[in-house]
């Protein structure tokens, strides 16, 4: 445990006991820094920690996290569908509504893209 540094001129001994009602170790910020003052409670009672749950931890965590993960995955899928896929489909549909394959072929032929078809000027 790392000691907490309290200079004695700021927190005298009596105030520390009233401020901190539990057992703690404080480091006194004096030149002889090895001096440790142990502040104990006025009542002599022991605190016991709750026993840790050693069984069923995975099941308990899954019961909590699995529905959240499922809901977030549905939200992500819906956001991708309506935020990316549908606008992309609409952009392709708008492009191919106005796309003229014959006009595009003639432009590429005149540019000399094809080896098997001569440009119209020759």
PDB file of N, CA and C in Angstrom:
ATOM      1  N   UNK A   1       0.843  -1.169   0.000  1.00  0.00           N
ATOM      2  CA  UNK A   1       0.000   0.000   0.000  1.00  0.00           C
ATOM      3  C   UNK A   1       0.889   1.231   0.000  1.00  0.00           C
ATOM      4  N   UNK A   2       0.624   2.167  -0.900  1.00  0.00           N
ATOM      5  CA  UNK A   2       1.414   3.379  -0.995  1.00  0.00           C
ATOM      6  C   UNK A   2       0.926   4.353   0.068  1.00  0.00           C
ATOM      7  N   UNK A   3       1.826   4.850   0.903  1.00  0.00           N
ATOM      8  CA  UNK A   3       1.392   5.779   1.946  1.00  0.00           C
ATOM      9  C   UNK A   3       0.932   7.102   1.357  1.00  0.00           C
ATOM     10  N   UNK A   4      -0.047   7.729   1.979  1.00  0.00           N
ATOM     11  CA  UNK A   4      -0.538   9.033   1.577  1.00  0.00           C
ATOM     12  C   UNK A   4       0.236  10.076   2.375  1.00  0.00           C
ATOM     13  N   UNK A   5       0.752  11.097   1.691  1.00  0.00           N
ATOM     14  CA  UNK A   5       1.592  12.095   2.344  1.00  0.00           C
ATOM     15  C   UNK A   5       0.715  13.236   2.845  1.00  0.00           C
ATOM     16  N   UNK A   6       0.679  13.439   4.165  1.00  0.00           N
ATOM     17  CA  UNK A   6      -0.007  14.562   4.788  1.00  0.00           C
ATOM     18  C   UNK A   6       0.979  15.248   5.721  1.00  0.00           C
ATOM     19  N   UNK A   7       1.381  16.479   5.443  1.00  0.00           N
ATOM     20  CA  UNK A   7       2.244  17.182   6.393  1.00  0.00           C
ATOM     21  C   UNK A   7       1.495  17.398   7.706  1.00  0.00           C
ATOM     22  N   UNK A   8       2.164  17.255   8.851  1.00  0.00           N
ATOM     23  CA  UNK A   8       1.466  17.337  10.137  1.00  0.00           C
ATOM     24  C   UNK A   8       0.932  18.723  10.461  1.00  0.00           C
ATOM     25  N   UNK A   9       1.482  19.772   9.844  1.00  0.00           N
ATOM     26  CA  UNK A   9       0.981  21.103  10.147  1.00  0.00           C
ATOM     27  C   UNK A   9      -0.335  21.393   9.433  1.00  0.00           C
ATOM     28  N   UNK A  10      -0.693  20.587   8.415  1.00  0.00           N
ATOM     29  CA  UNK A  10      -1.978  20.759   7.729  1.00  0.00           C
ATOM     30  C   UNK A  10      -3.049  19.905   8.388  1.00  0.00           C
ATOM     31  N   UNK A  11      -2.745  18.638   8.642  1.00  0.00           N
ATOM     32  CA  UNK A  11      -3.690  17.717   9.257  1.00  0.00           C
ATOM     33  C   UNK A  11      -3.109  17.190  10.566  1.00  0.00           C
ATOM     34  N   UNK A  12      -3.440  17.777  11.694  1.00  0.00           N
ATOM     35  CA  UNK A  12      -2.974  17.222  12.972  1.00  0.00           C
ATOM     36  C   UNK A  12      -3.589  15.853  13.226  1.00  0.00           C
ATOM     37  N   UNK A  13      -3.052  15.146  14.186  1.00  0.00           N
ATOM     38  CA  UNK A  13      -3.435  13.756  14.449  1.00  0.00           C
ATOM     39  C   UNK A  13      -4.925  13.603  14.737  1.00  0.00           C
ATOM     40  N   UNK A  14      -5.534  14.455  15.536  1.00  0.00           N
ATOM     41  CA  UNK A  14      -6.941  14.312  15.898  1.00  0.00           C
ATOM     42  C   UNK A  14      -7.869  14.492  14.710  1.00  0.00           C
ATOM     43  N   UNK A  15      -7.530  15.390  13.798  1.00  0.00           N
ATOM     44  CA  UNK A  15      -8.376  15.625  12.627  1.00  0.00           C
ATOM     45  C   UNK A  15      -8.323  14.433  11.687  1.00  0.00           C
ATOM     46  N   UNK A  16      -7.156  13.814  11.556  1.00  0.00           N
ATOM     47  CA  UNK A  16      -7.053  12.640  10.691  1.00  0.00           C
ATOM     48  C   UNK A  16      -7.960  11.524  11.165  1.00  0.00           C
ATOM     49  N   UNK A  17      -8.033  11.329  12.472  1.00  0.00           N
ATOM     50  CA  UNK A  17      -8.886  10.257  12.986  1.00  0.00           C
ATOM     51  C   UNK A  17     -10.352  10.537  12.716  1.00  0.00           C
ATOM     52  N   UNK A  18     -10.748  11.795  12.774  1.00  0.00           N
ATOM     53  CA  UNK A  18     -12.152  12.106  12.519  1.00  0.00           C
ATOM     54  C   UNK A  18     -12.472  12.095  11.035  1.00  0.00           C
ATOM     55  N   UNK A  19     -11.513  12.497  10.192  1.00  0.00           N
ATOM     56  CA  UNK A  19     -11.771  12.496   8.752  1.00  0.00           C
ATOM     57  C   UNK A  19     -11.824  11.090   8.182  1.00  0.00           C
ATOM     58  N   UNK A  20     -10.916  10.251   8.616  1.00  0.00           N
ATOM     59  CA  UNK A  20     -10.818   8.908   8.076  1.00  0.00           C
ATOM     60  C   UNK A  20     -11.214   7.920   9.159  1.00  0.00           C
ATOM     61  N   UNK A  21     -12.416   7.360   9.045  1.00  0.00           N
ATOM     62  CA  UNK A  21     -12.932   6.467  10.076  1.00  0.00           C
ATOM     63  C   UNK A  21     -12.499   5.024   9.848  1.00  0.00           C
ATOM     64  N   UNK A  22     -11.706   4.786   8.855  1.00  0.00           N
ATOM     65  CA  UNK A  22     -11.253   3.413   8.627  1.00  0.00           C
ATOM     66  C   UNK A  22      -9.756   3.304   8.886  1.00  0.00           C
ATOM     67  N   UNK A  23      -9.281   2.086   8.889  1.00  0.00           N
ATOM     68  CA  UNK A  23      -7.879   1.814   9.175  1.00  0.00           C
ATOM     69  C   UNK A  23      -7.049   2.192   7.941  1.00  0.00           C
ATOM     70  N   UNK A  24      -6.046   3.027   8.157  1.00  0.00           N
ATOM     71  CA  UNK A  24      -5.194   3.446   7.054  1.00  0.00           C
ATOM     72  C   UNK A  24      -3.805   3.745   7.591  1.00  0.00           C
ATOM     73  N   UNK A  25      -2.841   3.817   6.694  1.00  0.00           N
ATOM     74  CA  UNK A  25      -1.470   4.149   7.063  1.00  0.00           C
ATOM     75  C   UNK A  25      -1.129   5.443   6.351  1.00  0.00           C
ATOM     76  N   UNK A  26      -0.655   6.437   7.108  1.00  0.00           N
ATOM     77  CA  UNK A  26      -0.327   7.726   6.538  1.00  0.00           C
ATOM     78  C   UNK A  26       1.158   7.983   6.704  1.00  0.00           C
ATOM     79  N   UNK A  27       1.741   8.585   5.711  1.00  0.00           N
ATOM     80  CA  UNK A  27       3.159   8.932   5.733  1.00  0.00           C
ATOM     81  C   UNK A  27       3.272  10.383   6.189  1.00  0.00           C
ATOM     82  N   UNK A  28       4.053  10.622   7.202  1.00  0.00           N
ATOM     83  CA  UNK A  28       4.227  11.976   7.721  1.00  0.00           C
ATOM     84  C   UNK A  28       5.352  12.625   6.944  1.00  0.00           C
ATOM     85  N   UNK A  29       5.072  13.780   6.362  1.00  0.00           N
ATOM     86  CA  UNK A  29       6.046  14.456   5.519  1.00  0.00           C
ATOM     87  C   UNK A  29       7.058  15.255   6.309  1.00  0.00           C
ATOM     88  N   UNK A  30       7.847  14.607   7.131  1.00  0.00           N
ATOM     89  CA  UNK A  30       8.895  15.246   7.908  1.00  0.00           C
ATOM     90  C   UNK A  30      10.244  14.788   7.374  1.00  0.00           C
ATOM     91  N   UNK A  31      11.333  15.403   7.836  1.00  0.00           N
ATOM     92  CA  UNK A  31      12.643  14.953   7.369  1.00  0.00           C
ATOM     93  C   UNK A  31      12.891  13.473   7.647  1.00  0.00           C
ATOM     94  N   UNK A  32      12.359  12.946   8.734  1.00  0.00           N
ATOM     95  CA  UNK A  32      12.488  11.508   8.990  1.00  0.00           C
ATOM     96  C   UNK A  32      11.270  10.815   8.387  1.00  0.00           C
ATOM     97  N   UNK A  33      11.269  10.653   7.083  1.00  0.00           N
ATOM     98  CA  UNK A  33      10.104  10.169   6.339  1.00  0.00           C
ATOM     99  C   UNK A  33       9.780   8.711   6.600  1.00  0.00           C
ATOM    100  N   UNK A  34      10.577   8.010   7.354  1.00  0.00           N
ATOM    101  CA  UNK A  34      10.269   6.608   7.632  1.00  0.00           C
ATOM    102  C   UNK A  34       9.245   6.448   8.744  1.00  0.00           C
ATOM    103  N   UNK A  35       8.888   7.545   9.386  1.00  0.00           N
ATOM    104  CA  UNK A  35       7.923   7.471  10.474  1.00  0.00           C
ATOM    105  C   UNK A  35       6.527   7.230   9.909  1.00  0.00           C
ATOM    106  N   UNK A  36       5.916   6.138  10.292  1.00  0.00           N
ATOM    107  CA  UNK A  36       4.566   5.818   9.836  1.00  0.00           C
ATOM    108  C   UNK A  36       3.624   5.904  11.017  1.00  0.00           C
ATOM    109  N   UNK A  37       2.546   6.592  10.812  1.00  0.00           N
ATOM    110  CA  UNK A  37       1.540   6.695  11.859  1.00  0.00           C
ATOM    111  C   UNK A  37       0.339   5.891  11.411  1.00  0.00           C
ATOM    112  N   UNK A  38      -0.079   5.002  12.245  1.00  0.00           N
ATOM    113  CA  UNK A  38      -1.217   4.176  11.902  1.00  0.00           C
ATOM    114  C   UNK A  38      -2.442   4.729  12.617  1.00  0.00           C
ATOM    115  N   UNK A  39      -3.419   5.124  11.807  1.00  0.00           N
ATOM    116  CA  UNK A  39      -4.648   5.676  12.351  1.00  0.00           C
ATOM    117  C   UNK A  39      -5.669   4.557  12.357  1.00  0.00           C
ATOM    118  N   UNK A  40      -6.198   4.257  13.522  1.00  0.00           N
ATOM    119  CA  UNK A  40      -7.190   3.192  13.595  1.00  0.00           C
ATOM    120  C   UNK A  40      -8.532   3.783  13.984  1.00  0.00           C
ATOM    121  N   UNK A  41      -9.569   3.007  13.827  1.00  0.00           N
ATOM    122  CA  UNK A  41     -10.909   3.449  14.173  1.00  0.00           C
ATOM    123  C   UNK A  41     -11.073   3.570  15.674  1.00  0.00           C
ATOM    124  N   UNK A  42     -12.100   4.338  16.014  1.00  0.00           N
ATOM    125  CA  UNK A  42     -12.413   4.426  17.435  1.00  0.00           C
ATOM    126  C   UNK A  42     -13.083   3.144  17.896  1.00  0.00           C
ATOM    127  N   UNK A  43     -13.877   2.523  17.033  1.00  0.00           N
ATOM    128  CA  UNK A  43     -14.497   1.241  17.366  1.00  0.00           C
ATOM    129  C   UNK A  43     -13.635   0.128  16.792  1.00  0.00           C
ATOM    130  N   UNK A  44     -13.496  -0.913  17.495  1.00  0.00           N
ATOM    131  CA  UNK A  44     -12.662  -2.017  17.053  1.00  0.00           C
ATOM    132  C   UNK A  44     -13.531  -3.068  16.369  1.00  0.00           C
ATOM    133  N   UNK A  45     -13.912  -2.808  15.128  1.00  0.00           N
ATOM    134  CA  UNK A  45     -14.707  -3.784  14.380  1.00  0.00           C
ATOM    135  C   UNK A  45     -13.942  -4.165  13.122  1.00  0.00           C
ATOM    136  N   UNK A  46     -14.138  -5.369  12.695  1.00  0.00           N
ATOM    137  CA  UNK A  46     -13.447  -5.839  11.502  1.00  0.00           C
ATOM    138  C   UNK A  46     -14.391  -5.769  10.322  1.00  0.00           C
ATOM    139  N   UNK A  47     -13.824  -5.406   9.192  1.00  0.00           N
ATOM    140  CA  UNK A  47     -14.613  -5.359   7.962  1.00  0.00           C
ATOM    141  C   UNK A  47     -14.304  -6.611   7.169  1.00  0.00           C
ATOM    142  N   UNK A  48     -15.323  -7.266   6.685  1.00  0.00           N
ATOM    143  CA  UNK A  48     -15.097  -8.454   5.874  1.00  0.00           C
ATOM    144  C   UNK A  48     -15.546  -8.167   4.448  1.00  0.00           C
ATOM    145  N   UNK A  49     -14.773  -8.646   3.533  1.00  0.00           N
ATOM    146  CA  UNK A  49     -15.108  -8.481   2.130  1.00  0.00           C
ATOM    147  C   UNK A  49     -16.115  -9.531   1.715  1.00  0.00           C
ATOM    148  N   UNK A  50     -16.923  -9.183   0.727  1.00  0.00           N
ATOM    149  CA  UNK A  50     -17.870 -10.158   0.201  1.00  0.00           C
ATOM    150  C   UNK A  50     -17.103 -11.215  -0.571  1.00  0.00           C
ATOM    151  N   UNK A  51     -17.583 -12.435  -0.499  1.00  0.00           N
ATOM    152  CA  UNK A  51     -16.916 -13.516  -1.215  1.00  0.00           C
ATOM    153  C   UNK A  51     -17.090 -13.306  -2.716  1.00  0.00           C
ATOM    154  N   UNK A  52     -16.032 -13.522  -3.482  1.00  0.00           N
ATOM    155  CA  UNK A  52     -16.166 -13.361  -4.930  1.00  0.00           C
ATOM    156  C   UNK A  52     -16.965 -14.514  -5.527  1.00  0.00           C
ATOM    157  N   UNK A  53     -17.711 -14.194  -6.561  1.00  0.00           N
ATOM    158  CA  UNK A  53     -18.475 -15.230  -7.255  1.00  0.00           C
ATOM    159  C   UNK A  53     -17.510 -16.014  -8.130  1.00  0.00           C
ATOM    160  N   UNK A  54     -17.309 -17.271  -7.818  1.00  0.00           N
ATOM    161  CA  UNK A  54     -16.340 -18.079  -8.545  1.00  0.00           C
ATOM    162  C   UNK A  54     -16.993 -18.992  -9.579  1.00  0.00           C
ATOM    163  N   UNK A  55     -18.289 -19.159  -9.501  1.00  0.00           N
ATOM    164  CA  UNK A  55     -18.980 -20.024 -10.450  1.00  0.00           C
ATOM    165  C   UNK A  55     -19.970 -19.206 -11.252  1.00  0.00           C
ATOM    166  N   UNK A  56     -20.124 -19.595 -12.502  1.00  0.00           N
ATOM    167  CA  UNK A  56     -21.132 -18.968 -13.344  1.00  0.00           C
ATOM    168  C   UNK A  56     -20.792 -17.563 -13.809  1.00  0.00           C
ATOM    169  N   UNK A  57     -19.511 -17.198 -13.791  1.00  0.00           N
ATOM    170  CA  UNK A  57     -19.137 -15.850 -14.205  1.00  0.00           C
ATOM    171  C   UNK A  57     -19.392 -15.632 -15.692  1.00  0.00           C
ATOM    172  N   UNK A  58     -19.042 -16.620 -16.507  1.00  0.00           N
ATOM    173  CA  UNK A  58     -19.235 -16.483 -17.948  1.00  0.00           C
ATOM    174  C   UNK A  58     -20.714 -16.375 -18.283  1.00  0.00           C
ATOM    175  N   UNK A  59     -21.523 -17.236 -17.686  1.00  0.00           N
ATOM    176  CA  UNK A  59     -22.956 -17.195 -17.953  1.00  0.00           C
ATOM    177  C   UNK A  59     -23.579 -15.879 -17.533  1.00  0.00           C
ATOM    178  N   UNK A  60     -23.146 -15.368 -16.399  1.00  0.00           N
ATOM    179  CA  UNK A  60     -23.694 -14.104 -15.913  1.00  0.00           C
ATOM    180  C   UNK A  60     -23.315 -12.955 -16.843  1.00  0.00           C
ATOM    181  N   UNK A  61     -22.059 -12.952 -17.257  1.00  0.00           N
ATOM    182  CA  UNK A  61     -21.624 -11.886 -18.166  1.00  0.00           C
ATOM    183  C   UNK A  61     -22.278 -12.012 -19.531  1.00  0.00           C
ATOM    184  N   UNK A  62     -22.463 -13.249 -20.004  1.00  0.00           N
ATOM    185  CA  UNK A  62     -23.115 -13.430 -21.302  1.00  0.00           C
ATOM    186  C   UNK A  62     -24.575 -13.000 -21.258  1.00  0.00           C
ATOM    187  N   UNK A  63     -25.260 -13.299 -20.169  1.00  0.00           N
ATOM    188  CA  UNK A  63     -26.658 -12.879 -20.056  1.00  0.00           C
ATOM    189  C   UNK A  63     -26.785 -11.360 -20.109  1.00  0.00           C
ATOM    190  N   UNK A  64     -25.776 -10.666 -19.641  1.00  0.00           N
ATOM    191  CA  UNK A  64     -25.809  -9.208 -19.683  1.00  0.00           C
ATOM    192  C   UNK A  64     -25.338  -8.667 -21.037  1.00  0.00           C
ATOM    193  N   UNK A  65     -24.216  -9.187 -21.549  1.00  0.00           N
ATOM    194  CA  UNK A  65     -23.584  -8.598 -22.723  1.00  0.00           C
ATOM    195  C   UNK A  65     -24.128  -9.105 -24.048  1.00  0.00           C
ATOM    196  N   UNK A  66     -24.661 -10.314 -24.104  1.00  0.00           N
ATOM    197  CA  UNK A  66     -25.125 -10.863 -25.378  1.00  0.00           C
ATOM    198  C   UNK A  66     -26.293 -10.077 -25.964  1.00  0.00           C
ATOM    199  N   UNK A  67     -27.330  -9.744 -25.218  1.00  0.00           N
ATOM    200  CA  UNK A  67     -28.403  -8.930 -25.819  1.00  0.00           C
ATOM    201  C   UNK A  67     -27.917  -7.555 -26.267  1.00  0.00           C
ATOM    202  N   UNK A  68     -26.992  -6.977 -25.520  1.00  0.00           N
ATOM    203  CA  UNK A  68     -26.447  -5.679 -25.919  1.00  0.00           C
ATOM    204  C   UNK A  68     -25.681  -5.808 -27.230  1.00  0.00           C
ATOM    205  N   UNK A  69     -24.860  -6.848 -27.344  1.00  0.00           N
ATOM    206  CA  UNK A  69     -24.090  -7.062 -28.573  1.00  0.00           C
ATOM    207  C   UNK A  69     -25.017  -7.331 -29.751  1.00  0.00           C
ATOM    208  N   UNK A  70     -26.069  -8.106 -29.518  1.00  0.00           N
ATOM    209  CA  UNK A  70     -27.022  -8.410 -30.585  1.00  0.00           C
ATOM    210  C   UNK A  70     -27.727  -7.135 -31.048  1.00  0.00           C
ATOM    211  N   UNK A  71     -28.167  -6.312 -30.109  1.00  0.00           N
ATOM    212  CA  UNK A  71     -28.857  -5.070 -30.463  1.00  0.00           C
ATOM    213  C   UNK A  71     -27.920  -4.115 -31.204  1.00  0.00           C
ATOM    214  N   UNK A  72     -26.683  -4.006 -30.741  1.00  0.00           N
ATOM    215  CA  UNK A  72     -25.731  -3.123 -31.419  1.00  0.00           C
ATOM    216  C   UNK A  72     -25.390  -3.620 -32.817  1.00  0.00           C
ATOM    217  N   UNK A  73     -25.333  -4.942 -32.999  1.00  0.00           N
ATOM    218  CA  UNK A  73     -25.054  -5.465 -34.338  1.00  0.00           C
ATOM    219  C   UNK A  73     -26.223  -5.199 -35.282  1.00  0.00           C
ATOM    220  N   UNK A  74     -27.462  -5.283 -34.766  1.00  0.00           N
ATOM    221  CA  UNK A  74     -28.617  -4.949 -35.602  1.00  0.00           C
ATOM    222  C   UNK A  74     -28.615  -3.469 -35.982  1.00  0.00           C
ATOM    223  N   UNK A  75     -28.271  -2.622 -35.045  1.00  0.00           N
ATOM    224  CA  UNK A  75     -28.203  -1.188 -35.331  1.00  0.00           C
ATOM    225  C   UNK A  75     -27.112  -0.907 -36.360  1.00  0.00           C
ATOM    226  N   UNK A  76     -25.964  -1.559 -36.223  1.00  0.00           N
ATOM    227  CA  UNK A  76     -24.866  -1.353 -37.179  1.00  0.00           C
ATOM    228  C   UNK A  76     -25.249  -1.854 -38.567  1.00  0.00           C
ATOM    229  N   UNK A  77     -25.929  -3.002 -38.635  1.00  0.00           N
ATOM    230  CA  UNK A  77     -26.353  -3.540 -39.930  1.00  0.00           C
ATOM    231  C   UNK A  77     -27.370  -2.621 -40.590  1.00  0.00           C
ATOM    232  N   UNK A  78     -28.326  -2.117 -39.822  1.00  0.00           N
ATOM    233  CA  UNK A  78     -29.330  -1.208 -40.385  1.00  0.00           C
ATOM    234  C   UNK A  78     -28.680   0.100 -40.833  1.00  0.00           C
ATOM    235  N   UNK A  79     -27.743   0.608 -40.046  1.00  0.00           N
ATOM    236  CA  UNK A  79     -27.056   1.844 -40.426  1.00  0.00           C
ATOM    237  C   UNK A  79     -26.249   1.648 -41.703  1.00  0.00           C
ATOM    238  N   UNK A  80     -25.600   0.496 -41.855  1.00  0.00           N
ATOM    239  CA  UNK A  80     -24.835   0.237 -43.075  1.00  0.00           C
ATOM    240  C   UNK A  80     -25.759   0.084 -44.274  1.00  0.00           C
ATOM    241  N   UNK A  81     -26.875  -0.623 -44.066  1.00  0.00           N
ATOM    242  CA  UNK A  81     -27.809  -0.836 -45.181  1.00  0.00           C
ATOM    243  C   UNK A  81     -28.370   0.485 -45.683  1.00  0.00           C
ATOM    244  N   UNK A  82     -28.878   1.322 -44.754  1.00  0.00           N
ATOM    245  CA  UNK A  82     -29.524   2.558 -45.172  1.00  0.00           C
ATOM    246  C   UNK A  82     -28.553   3.723 -45.323  1.00  0.00           C
ATOM    247  N   UNK A  83     -27.366   3.605 -44.822  1.00  0.00           N
ATOM    248  CA  UNK A  83     -26.391   4.676 -44.960  1.00  0.00           C
ATOM    249  C   UNK A  83     -25.414   4.483 -46.100  1.00  0.00           C
ATOM    250  N   UNK A  84     -25.186   3.206 -46.507  1.00  0.00           N
ATOM    251  CA  UNK A  84     -24.198   2.936 -47.548  1.00  0.00           C
ATOM    252  C   UNK A  84     -24.825   2.216 -48.736  1.00  0.00           C
ATOM    253  N   UNK A  85     -25.479   1.097 -48.478  1.00  0.00           N
ATOM    254  CA  UNK A  85     -25.939   0.237 -49.565  1.00  0.00           C
ATOM    255  C   UNK A  85     -27.051   0.874 -50.391  1.00  0.00           C
ATOM    256  N   UNK A  86     -28.068   1.407 -49.727  1.00  0.00           N
ATOM    257  CA  UNK A  86     -29.193   1.998 -50.465  1.00  0.00           C
ATOM    258  C   UNK A  86     -28.772   3.222 -51.279  1.00  0.00           C
ATOM    259  N   UNK A  87     -27.980   4.158 -50.744  1.00  0.00           N
ATOM    260  CA  UNK A  87     -27.521   5.266 -51.594  1.00  0.00           C
ATOM    261  C   UNK A  87     -26.655   4.796 -52.763  1.00  0.00           C
ATOM    262  N   UNK A  88     -25.879   3.740 -52.549  1.00  0.00           N
ATOM    263  CA  UNK A  88     -25.060   3.215 -53.640  1.00  0.00           C
ATOM    264  C   UNK A  88     -25.931   2.616 -54.738  1.00  0.00           C
ATOM    265  N   UNK A  89     -26.965   1.871 -54.341  1.00  0.00           N
ATOM    266  CA  UNK A  89     -27.898   1.313 -55.329  1.00  0.00           C
ATOM    267  C   UNK A  89     -28.583   2.423 -56.113  1.00  0.00           C
ATOM    268  N   UNK A  90     -28.990   3.480 -55.403  1.00  0.00           N
ATOM    269  CA  UNK A  90     -29.665   4.598 -56.068  1.00  0.00           C
ATOM    270  C   UNK A  90     -28.722   5.310 -57.028  1.00  0.00           C
ATOM    271  N   UNK A  91     -27.464   5.452 -56.655  1.00  0.00           N
ATOM    272  CA  UNK A  91     -26.490   6.102 -57.536  1.00  0.00           C
ATOM    273  C   UNK A  91     -26.269   5.278 -58.798  1.00  0.00           C
ATOM    274  N   UNK A  92     -26.181   3.945 -58.666  1.00  0.00           N
ATOM    275  CA  UNK A  92     -26.042   3.088 -59.842  1.00  0.00           C
ATOM    276  C   UNK A  92     -27.284   3.168 -60.716  1.00  0.00           C
ATOM    277  N   UNK A  93     -28.467   3.162 -60.106  1.00  0.00           N
ATOM    278  CA  UNK A  93     -29.713   3.237 -60.885  1.00  0.00           C
ATOM    279  C   UNK A  93     -29.797   4.558 -61.637  1.00  0.00           C
ATOM    280  N   UNK A  94     -29.435   5.672 -60.995  1.00  0.00           N
ATOM    281  CA  UNK A  94     -29.462   6.974 -61.667  1.00  0.00           C
ATOM    282  C   UNK A  94     -28.445   7.033 -62.801  1.00  0.00           C
ATOM    283  N   UNK A  95     -27.271   6.420 -62.596  1.00  0.00           N
ATOM    284  CA  UNK A  95     -26.251   6.428 -63.639  1.00  0.00           C
ATOM    285  C   UNK A  95     -26.714   5.640 -64.862  1.00  0.00           C
ATOM    286  N   UNK A  96     -27.266   4.459 -64.635  1.00  0.00           N
ATOM    287  CA  UNK A  96     -27.639   3.618 -65.770  1.00  0.00           C
ATOM    288  C   UNK A  96     -28.946   4.044 -66.423  1.00  0.00           C
ATOM    289  N   UNK A  97     -29.734   4.934 -65.801  1.00  0.00           N
ATOM    290  CA  UNK A  97     -30.909   5.495 -66.466  1.00  0.00           C
ATOM    291  C   UNK A  97     -30.487   6.371 -67.634  1.00  0.00           C
ATOM    292  N   UNK A  98     -29.403   7.121 -67.459  1.00  0.00           N
ATOM    293  CA  UNK A  98     -28.953   8.065 -68.474  1.00  0.00           C
ATOM    294  C   UNK A  98     -27.798   7.521 -69.310  1.00  0.00           C
ATOM    295  N   UNK A  99     -27.390   6.303 -69.091  1.00  0.00           N
ATOM    296  CA  UNK A  99     -26.224   5.742 -69.768  1.00  0.00           C
ATOM    297  C   UNK A  99     -26.635   5.209 -71.134  1.00  0.00           C
ATOM    298  N   UNK A 100     -25.966   5.677 -72.166  1.00  0.00           N
ATOM    299  CA  UNK A 100     -26.239   5.219 -73.532  1.00  0.00           C
ATOM    300  C   UNK A 100     -25.027   4.421 -73.991  1.00  0.00           C
ATOM    301  N   UNK A 101     -25.212   3.106 -74.146  1.00  0.00           N
ATOM    302  CA  UNK A 101     -24.085   2.237 -74.484  1.00  0.00           C
ATOM    303  C   UNK A 101     -23.566   2.505 -75.891  1.00  0.00           C
ATOM    304  N   UNK A 102     -24.450   2.805 -76.825  1.00  0.00           N
ATOM    305  CA  UNK A 102     -24.014   3.058 -78.203  1.00  0.00           C
ATOM    306  C   UNK A 102     -23.181   4.333 -78.272  1.00  0.00           C
ATOM    307  N   UNK A 103     -23.626   5.371 -77.605  1.00  0.00           N
ATOM    308  CA  UNK A 103     -22.875   6.627 -77.588  1.00  0.00           C
ATOM    309  C   UNK A 103     -21.505   6.423 -76.940  1.00  0.00           C
ATOM    310  N   UNK A 104     -21.461   5.671 -75.872  1.00  0.00           N
ATOM    311  CA  UNK A 104     -20.193   5.405 -75.182  1.00  0.00           C
ATOM    312  C   UNK A 104     -19.260   4.568 -76.062  1.00  0.00           C
ATOM    313  N   UNK A 105     -19.821   3.598 -76.776  1.00  0.00           N
ATOM    314  CA  UNK A 105     -19.016   2.779 -77.687  1.00  0.00           C
ATOM    315  C   UNK A 105     -18.418   3.643 -78.788  1.00  0.00           C
ATOM    316  N   UNK A 106     -19.219   4.543 -79.359  1.00  0.00           N
ATOM    317  CA  UNK A 106     -18.710   5.414 -80.429  1.00  0.00           C
ATOM    318  C   UNK A 106     -17.610   6.339 -79.912  1.00  0.00           C
ATOM    319  N   UNK A 107     -17.756   6.853 -78.705  1.00  0.00           N
ATOM    320  CA  UNK A 107     -16.710   7.717 -78.127  1.00  0.00           C
ATOM    321  C   UNK A 107     -15.412   6.938 -77.923  1.00  0.00           C
ATOM    322  N   UNK A 108     -15.509   5.686 -77.435  1.00  0.00           N
ATOM    323  CA  UNK A 108     -14.302   4.875 -77.227  1.00  0.00           C
ATOM    324  C   UNK A 108     -13.682   4.471 -78.562  1.00  0.00           C
ATOM    325  N   UNK A 109     -14.517   4.197 -79.568  1.00  0.00           N
ATOM    326  CA  UNK A 109     -13.989   3.822 -80.883  1.00  0.00           C
ATOM    327  C   UNK A 109     -13.249   4.997 -81.496  1.00  0.00           C
ATOM    328  N   UNK A 110     -13.810   6.218 -81.389  1.00  0.00           N
ATOM    329  CA  UNK A 110     -13.151   7.403 -81.937  1.00  0.00           C
ATOM    330  C   UNK A 110     -11.863   7.739 -81.184  1.00  0.00           C
ATOM    331  N   UNK A 111     -11.787   7.348 -79.925  1.00  0.00           N
ATOM    332  CA  UNK A 111     -10.581   7.610 -79.144  1.00  0.00           C
ATOM    333  C   UNK A 111      -9.488   6.589 -79.444  1.00  0.00           C
ATOM    334  N   UNK A 112      -9.800   5.490 -80.147  1.00  0.00           N
ATOM    335  CA  UNK A 112      -8.812   4.483 -80.488  1.00  0.00           C
ATOM    336  C   UNK A 112      -8.568   3.474 -79.389  1.00  0.00           C
ATOM    337  N   UNK A 113      -9.559   3.230 -78.557  1.00  0.00           N
ATOM    338  CA  UNK A 113      -9.403   2.288 -77.457  1.00  0.00           C
ATOM    339  C   UNK A 113      -9.359   0.858 -77.977  1.00  0.00           C
ATOM    340  N   UNK A 114     -10.145   0.557 -79.002  1.00  0.00           N
ATOM    341  CA  UNK A 114     -10.264  -0.821 -79.497  1.00  0.00           C
ATOM    342  C   UNK A 114      -9.247  -1.077 -80.598  1.00  0.00           C
ATOM    343  N   UNK A 115      -8.683  -2.292 -80.603  1.00  0.00           N
ATOM    344  CA  UNK A 115      -7.737  -2.667 -81.649  1.00  0.00           C
ATOM    345  C   UNK A 115      -8.460  -3.284 -82.841  1.00  0.00           C
ATOM    346  N   UNK A 116      -9.592  -3.902 -82.630  1.00  0.00           N
ATOM    347  CA  UNK A 116     -10.283  -4.608 -83.708  1.00  0.00           C
ATOM    348  C   UNK A 116     -11.260  -3.713 -84.464  1.00  0.00           C
ATOM    349  N   UNK A 117     -11.518  -2.524 -83.982  1.00  0.00           N
ATOM    350  CA  UNK A 117     -12.466  -1.614 -84.638  1.00  0.00           C
ATOM    351  C   UNK A 117     -11.722  -0.331 -84.972  1.00  0.00           C
ATOM    352  N   UNK A 118     -11.837   0.082 -86.242  1.00  0.00           N
ATOM    353  CA  UNK A 118     -11.167   1.305 -86.666  1.00  0.00           C
ATOM    354  C   UNK A 118     -12.006   2.520 -86.293  1.00  0.00           C
ATOM    355  N   UNK A 119     -11.345   3.629 -86.016  1.00  0.00           N
ATOM    356  CA  UNK A 119     -12.108   4.864 -85.779  1.00  0.00           C
ATOM    357  C   UNK A 119     -12.891   5.261 -87.026  1.00  0.00           C
ATOM    358  N   UNK A 120     -13.940   6.050 -86.878  1.00  0.00           N
ATOM    359  CA  UNK A 120     -14.816   6.404 -88.008  1.00  0.00           C
ATOM    360  C   UNK A 120     -14.117   7.293 -89.015  1.00  0.00           C
ATOM    361  N   UNK A 121     -13.115   8.017 -88.612  1.00  0.00           N
ATOM    362  CA  UNK A 121     -12.419   8.918 -89.524  1.00  0.00           C
ATOM    363  C   UNK A 121     -11.522   8.193 -90.509  1.00  0.00           C
ATOM    364  N   UNK A 122     -11.207   6.957 -90.333  1.00  0.00           N
ATOM    365  CA  UNK A 122     -10.255   6.256 -91.210  1.00  0.00           C
ATOM    366  C   UNK A 122     -10.960   5.394 -92.214  1.00  0.00           C
TER     367      UNK A 122
END
